[in-house]
């Protein structure tokens, strides 16, 4: 019998797959990029198959990688459940999934308020795109998640999210190019569909030259002066150039941000956190800085 991967290797593999980056996986797992690369090479040697490939400068799973991903999620989830059960803390653990932008902007309000009234509950925050969080909800890896309403997720409405076109303030006026170089979110995502629908309805000439699964990732391309991109209005800060119809950009249909619970039996803490989250969402939306 050949070698088998460790739980740690599977965790790193999932982190790399979810973030589509060894660098981001290393940061999330508190390892060096070299250590992550070495563990993934070892995993491929054990599997006798390539697990990752590069497409348009992004890390993607191969067919073998997709197969391993499904099993790795189950193995890691089962290991976590076993330890929680042994430690007797299952009823005091809440797993919340959220896109990275809202983790930085909205969640601190909700977590602070929830912790003030439920200090014994351990909160585990899982940052991923709506597309990936949908799978985690279905498998019971998260108890509650925030995401964009669409094919991947539905739930209780939190707020409507407006999108703004932004560009680097001091770089060349790339939005005047033909085609316009734009940055897009991952394939299959609702936000990508909204952006493309707006561009195509306006018969705009564009070219996707950059992709990311997260708002911070998209902003990296904008800050590099490489692309024009659409981001949540709260992310359209003063250091960016905000574009509109006067610059030749089209309005985008707003997104519905929702809260969904796991398909498995969610703990009662999920309902309690959801109530706090709804209040925090309205407060955050009300005080968010205006764009434009």
Protein backbone atom coordinates (compact mmCIF):
# COMPACT_ATOMS: atom_id res chain seq x y z
CA UNK A 1 0.00 0.00 0.00
CA UNK A 2 1.39 3.38 -1.01
CA UNK A 3 1.62 6.48 1.13
CA UNK A 4 -1.54 8.32 2.08
CA UNK A 5 -1.89 12.09 2.51
CA UNK A 6 -2.08 13.57 5.98
CA UNK A 7 -4.98 15.70 7.20
CA UNK A 8 -2.60 18.66 7.13
CA UNK A 9 -1.80 18.10 3.44
CA UNK A 10 -5.50 17.88 2.63
CA UNK A 11 -6.15 21.13 4.51
CA UNK A 12 -3.43 22.89 2.52
CA UNK A 13 -4.78 21.38 -0.71
CA UNK A 14 -8.28 22.74 0.05
CA UNK A 15 -6.86 26.15 0.93
CA UNK A 16 -4.97 26.30 -2.38
CA UNK A 17 -8.00 25.13 -4.36
CA UNK A 18 -10.39 27.60 -2.69
CA UNK A 19 -8.02 30.54 -3.13
CA UNK A 20 -6.61 29.45 -6.51
CA UNK A 21 -3.19 30.46 -5.25
CA UNK A 22 -0.30 28.84 -3.38
CA UNK A 23 0.67 32.26 -2.05
CA UNK A 24 -2.78 32.92 -0.52
CA UNK A 25 -2.95 29.34 0.77
CA UNK A 26 0.40 29.79 2.49
CA UNK A 27 -0.86 32.93 4.18
CA UNK A 28 -4.08 31.23 5.31
CA UNK A 29 -2.26 28.16 6.62
CA UNK A 30 0.57 30.14 8.22
CA UNK A 31 3.21 28.45 6.05
CA UNK A 32 5.77 29.59 3.53
CA UNK A 33 4.91 29.39 -0.15
CA UNK A 34 7.78 26.93 -0.59
CA UNK A 35 6.30 24.65 2.07
CA UNK A 36 2.89 24.72 0.37
CA UNK A 37 4.42 23.98 -3.04
CA UNK A 38 6.39 21.07 -1.60
CA UNK A 39 3.31 19.58 0.09
CA UNK A 40 1.32 19.83 -3.13
CA UNK A 41 4.12 18.14 -5.09
CA UNK A 42 4.13 15.33 -2.51
CA UNK A 43 0.35 15.04 -2.82
CA UNK A 44 0.59 14.76 -6.61
CA UNK A 45 3.27 12.07 -6.24
CA UNK A 46 0.98 10.08 -3.94
CA UNK A 47 -1.97 10.53 -6.32
CA UNK A 48 0.22 9.83 -9.36
CA UNK A 49 -1.67 12.62 -11.11
CA UNK A 50 -1.53 16.36 -11.66
CA UNK A 51 -3.92 18.12 -9.29
CA UNK A 52 -3.39 21.73 -10.42
CA UNK A 53 -2.86 23.50 -13.73
CA UNK A 54 -2.43 27.14 -14.77
CA UNK A 55 -5.11 28.87 -16.85
CA UNK A 56 -4.76 32.57 -17.64
CA UNK A 57 -2.19 32.88 -14.84
CA UNK A 58 -4.63 31.41 -12.30
CA UNK A 59 -4.37 28.14 -10.42
CA UNK A 60 -7.12 25.72 -11.43
CA UNK A 61 -7.96 22.15 -10.42
CA UNK A 62 -7.52 19.37 -12.97
CA UNK A 63 -10.11 16.59 -13.26
CA UNK A 64 -8.10 14.59 -10.72
CA UNK A 65 -7.92 17.63 -8.47
CA UNK A 66 -11.70 18.11 -8.63
CA UNK A 67 -12.20 14.47 -7.64
CA UNK A 68 -9.80 14.79 -4.71
CA UNK A 69 -11.40 18.08 -3.61
CA UNK A 70 -14.77 16.44 -2.94
CA UNK A 71 -13.21 13.66 -0.83
CA UNK A 72 -10.80 16.01 0.94
CA UNK A 73 -13.69 18.21 2.09
CA UNK A 74 -15.42 15.18 3.60
CA UNK A 75 -12.27 13.90 5.28
CA UNK A 76 -11.35 17.27 6.81
CA UNK A 77 -14.95 17.95 7.89
CA UNK A 78 -15.18 14.52 9.54
CA UNK A 79 -11.88 15.07 11.37
CA UNK A 80 -13.09 18.44 12.65
CA UNK A 81 -16.41 16.97 13.79
CA UNK A 82 -14.60 14.19 15.65
CA UNK A 83 -12.44 16.61 17.62
CA UNK A 84 -15.37 18.90 18.38
CA UNK A 85 -17.37 15.93 19.68
CA UNK A 86 -14.47 14.69 21.80
CA UNK A 87 -13.96 18.11 23.35
CA UNK A 88 -17.67 18.37 24.07
CA UNK A 89 -18.02 21.79 22.44
CA UNK A 90 -20.18 21.03 19.40
CA UNK A 91 -23.18 22.98 20.71
CA UNK A 92 -20.98 26.04 21.29
CA UNK A 93 -19.38 26.24 17.84
CA UNK A 94 -20.68 28.37 14.96
CA UNK A 95 -19.15 28.20 11.47
CA UNK A 96 -19.85 31.28 9.35
CA UNK A 97 -18.96 31.56 5.66
CA UNK A 98 -18.50 34.94 4.02
CA UNK A 99 -16.78 36.50 0.97
CA UNK A 100 -13.52 38.18 1.92
CA UNK A 101 -14.75 41.75 1.33
CA UNK A 102 -17.65 41.41 3.77
CA UNK A 103 -15.42 39.64 6.29
CA UNK A 104 -13.32 42.79 6.48
CA UNK A 105 -16.13 45.33 6.23
CA UNK A 106 -19.38 43.95 7.67
CA UNK A 107 -18.58 40.96 9.89
CA UNK A 108 -16.66 42.82 12.66
CA UNK A 109 -19.89 44.61 13.61
CA UNK A 110 -21.92 41.40 13.77
CA UNK A 111 -19.22 39.39 15.55
CA UNK A 112 -18.69 42.08 18.18
CA UNK A 113 -22.40 42.33 18.95
CA UNK A 114 -22.92 38.56 18.97
CA UNK A 115 -19.93 37.92 21.20
CA UNK A 116 -21.18 40.47 23.71
CA UNK A 117 -24.30 38.37 24.37
CA UNK A 118 -22.91 34.87 23.59
CA UNK A 119 -19.31 34.90 24.83
CA UNK A 120 -19.06 31.09 25.13
CA UNK A 121 -19.74 30.42 21.43
CA UNK A 122 -16.65 29.71 19.34
CA UNK A 123 -16.98 31.43 15.95
CA UNK A 124 -15.11 29.92 13.02
CA UNK A 125 -14.97 32.26 10.04
CA UNK A 126 -14.56 30.71 6.57
CA UNK A 127 -13.70 33.19 3.79
CA UNK A 128 -14.55 32.13 0.24
CA UNK A 129 -16.54 33.26 -2.79
CA UNK A 130 -20.29 32.64 -2.99
CA UNK A 131 -19.64 29.84 -5.47
CA UNK A 132 -17.44 27.93 -3.03
CA UNK A 133 -19.57 28.75 0.01
CA UNK A 134 -22.57 27.16 -1.69
CA UNK A 135 -20.79 23.79 -1.67
CA UNK A 136 -19.74 24.24 1.94
CA UNK A 137 -23.35 24.92 2.94
CA UNK A 138 -24.54 21.80 1.14
CA UNK A 139 -21.90 19.62 2.79
CA UNK A 140 -22.47 21.14 6.23
CA UNK A 141 -18.98 22.63 6.47
CA UNK A 142 -20.49 25.98 7.41
CA UNK A 143 -23.67 26.60 9.41
CA UNK A 144 -24.49 29.99 7.92
CA UNK A 145 -23.18 31.95 4.95
CA UNK A 146 -23.43 35.36 3.33
CA UNK A 147 -23.38 35.56 -0.44
CA UNK A 148 -24.83 36.91 -3.66
CA UNK A 149 -28.29 35.67 -4.60
CA UNK A 150 -28.20 33.68 -7.80
CA UNK A 151 -27.74 30.17 -9.12
CA UNK A 152 -25.40 29.24 -6.27
CA UNK A 153 -27.18 30.69 -3.24
CA UNK A 154 -30.55 31.92 -2.03
CA UNK A 155 -31.74 32.97 1.42
CA UNK A 156 -32.98 35.80 3.58
CA UNK A 157 -32.23 39.24 2.10
CA UNK A 158 -29.69 41.42 3.91
CA UNK A 159 -29.28 44.40 1.57
CA UNK A 160 -28.90 45.43 -2.06
CA UNK A 161 -25.32 45.95 -3.14
CA UNK A 162 -24.52 48.58 -5.78
CA UNK A 163 -21.43 48.20 -7.96
CA UNK A 164 -19.12 50.98 -9.13
CA UNK A 165 -16.57 51.01 -11.93
CA UNK A 166 -13.11 51.99 -10.69
CA UNK A 167 -9.65 52.52 -12.15
CA UNK A 168 -6.20 53.60 -10.97
CA UNK A 169 -6.35 57.37 -10.37
CA UNK A 170 -2.93 58.27 -11.71
CA UNK A 171 -2.40 55.75 -14.48
CA UNK A 172 -3.25 56.04 -18.18
CA UNK A 173 -6.94 56.39 -19.07
CA UNK A 174 -7.30 52.71 -19.99
CA UNK A 175 -11.12 52.97 -19.95
CA UNK A 176 -10.75 54.98 -23.17
CA UNK A 177 -9.02 52.07 -24.90
CA UNK A 178 -10.81 49.91 -27.42
CA UNK A 179 -11.37 47.24 -26.24
CA UNK A 180 -11.50 48.25 -22.56
CA UNK A 181 -9.28 45.98 -20.43
CA UNK A 182 -11.43 44.77 -17.53
CA UNK A 183 -11.04 42.54 -14.51
CA UNK A 184 -13.73 39.95 -13.82
CA UNK A 185 -14.77 37.66 -11.00
CA UNK A 186 -14.69 33.89 -11.33
CA UNK A 187 -16.55 31.97 -14.01
CA UNK A 188 -20.09 31.08 -13.02
CA UNK A 189 -20.42 33.82 -10.40
CA UNK A 190 -23.52 36.02 -10.30
CA UNK A 191 -21.51 39.26 -10.05
CA UNK A 192 -19.62 38.33 -13.23
CA UNK A 193 -22.94 37.66 -14.99
CA UNK A 194 -24.28 41.09 -13.95
CA UNK A 195 -21.17 42.86 -15.22
CA UNK A 196 -21.11 41.04 -18.55
CA UNK A 197 -24.84 41.58 -19.07
CA UNK A 198 -24.40 45.34 -18.60
CA UNK A 199 -21.47 45.49 -21.02
CA UNK A 200 -23.15 43.36 -23.66
CA UNK A 201 -26.46 45.22 -23.44
CA UNK A 202 -24.53 48.44 -24.09
CA UNK A 203 -22.60 46.70 -26.90
CA UNK A 204 -19.37 47.80 -25.20
CA UNK A 205 -16.09 46.56 -26.63
CA UNK A 206 -14.13 44.97 -23.78
CA UNK A 207 -11.47 42.37 -23.11
CA UNK A 208 -11.08 40.36 -19.89
CA UNK A 209 -7.37 40.44 -19.04
CA UNK A 210 -7.54 39.68 -15.30
CA UNK A 211 -9.63 37.49 -12.99
CA UNK A 212 -10.01 36.94 -9.24
CA UNK A 213 -12.46 35.26 -6.87
CA UNK A 214 -12.49 38.18 -4.42
CA UNK A 215 -12.89 41.96 -4.27
CA UNK A 216 -9.37 42.43 -2.78
CA UNK A 217 -8.02 40.35 -5.64
CA UNK A 218 -9.84 42.47 -8.22
CA UNK A 219 -8.59 45.65 -6.54
CA UNK A 220 -5.02 44.38 -6.85
CA UNK A 221 -5.42 44.48 -10.64
CA UNK A 222 -6.98 47.95 -10.46
CA UNK A 223 -4.22 49.28 -8.20
CA UNK A 224 -1.66 47.90 -10.62
CA UNK A 225 -3.14 50.16 -13.30
CA UNK A 226 -3.89 47.06 -15.33
CA UNK A 227 -7.69 46.98 -15.53
CA UNK A 228 -10.98 48.75 -15.04
CA UNK A 229 -13.26 46.75 -12.72
CA UNK A 230 -16.59 46.86 -10.91
CA UNK A 231 -16.50 46.62 -7.10
CA UNK A 232 -19.01 47.12 -4.26
CA UNK A 233 -19.70 50.81 -3.70
CA UNK A 234 -18.08 50.62 -0.24
CA UNK A 235 -14.84 49.48 -1.86
CA UNK A 236 -14.78 52.48 -4.22
CA UNK A 237 -12.56 54.51 -1.92
CA UNK A 238 -11.14 57.98 -2.40
CA UNK A 239 -7.78 56.70 -3.65
CA UNK A 240 -9.48 55.18 -6.71
CA UNK A 241 -10.90 56.90 -9.78
CA UNK A 242 -14.63 56.22 -9.89
CA UNK A 243 -16.02 55.96 -13.42
CA UNK A 244 -19.56 56.43 -14.73
CA UNK A 245 -21.51 57.04 -17.92
CA UNK A 246 -19.55 60.24 -18.60
CA UNK A 247 -16.45 58.03 -18.90
CA UNK A 248 -18.21 55.63 -21.26
CA UNK A 249 -19.02 52.98 -18.61
CA UNK A 250 -22.50 51.51 -18.16
CA UNK A 251 -24.61 51.05 -15.04
CA UNK A 252 -24.69 47.54 -13.59
CA UNK A 253 -27.74 45.86 -12.06
CA UNK A 254 -27.27 45.78 -8.26
CA UNK A 255 -26.66 42.53 -6.40
CA UNK A 256 -28.94 41.04 -3.73
CA UNK A 257 -26.85 39.99 -0.74
CA UNK A 258 -28.48 37.18 1.24
CA UNK A 259 -27.92 35.01 4.28
CA UNK A 260 -28.41 31.24 4.01
CA UNK A 261 -28.20 28.39 6.50
CA UNK A 262 -26.79 24.91 6.03
CA UNK A 263 -28.82 22.17 4.36
CA UNK A 264 -27.95 20.01 7.35
CA UNK A 265 -29.31 20.76 10.81
CA UNK A 266 -27.84 24.12 11.81
CA UNK A 267 -27.17 24.82 15.50
CA UNK A 268 -29.48 27.25 17.31
CA UNK A 269 -26.57 29.71 17.42
CA UNK A 270 -26.94 30.13 13.64
CA UNK A 271 -30.43 31.61 14.04
CA UNK A 272 -29.25 33.91 16.83
CA UNK A 273 -26.24 35.07 14.83
CA UNK A 274 -28.50 35.62 11.80
CA UNK A 275 -30.66 38.06 13.75
CA UNK A 276 -27.58 40.01 14.86
CA UNK A 277 -26.21 39.92 11.32
CA UNK A 278 -29.39 41.43 9.83
CA UNK A 279 -29.20 44.34 12.26
CA UNK A 280 -25.49 44.84 11.59
CA UNK A 281 -26.05 44.73 7.82
CA UNK A 282 -28.61 47.52 7.93
CA UNK A 283 -26.40 49.64 10.18
CA UNK A 284 -23.32 49.05 7.99
CA UNK A 285 -25.24 49.86 4.81
CA UNK A 286 -26.61 53.06 6.35
CA UNK A 287 -23.23 54.45 7.37
CA UNK A 288 -21.25 53.20 4.34
CA UNK A 289 -19.45 56.01 2.50
CA UNK A 290 -21.14 57.17 -0.67
CA UNK A 291 -19.36 56.51 -3.95
CA UNK A 292 -19.01 59.01 -6.72
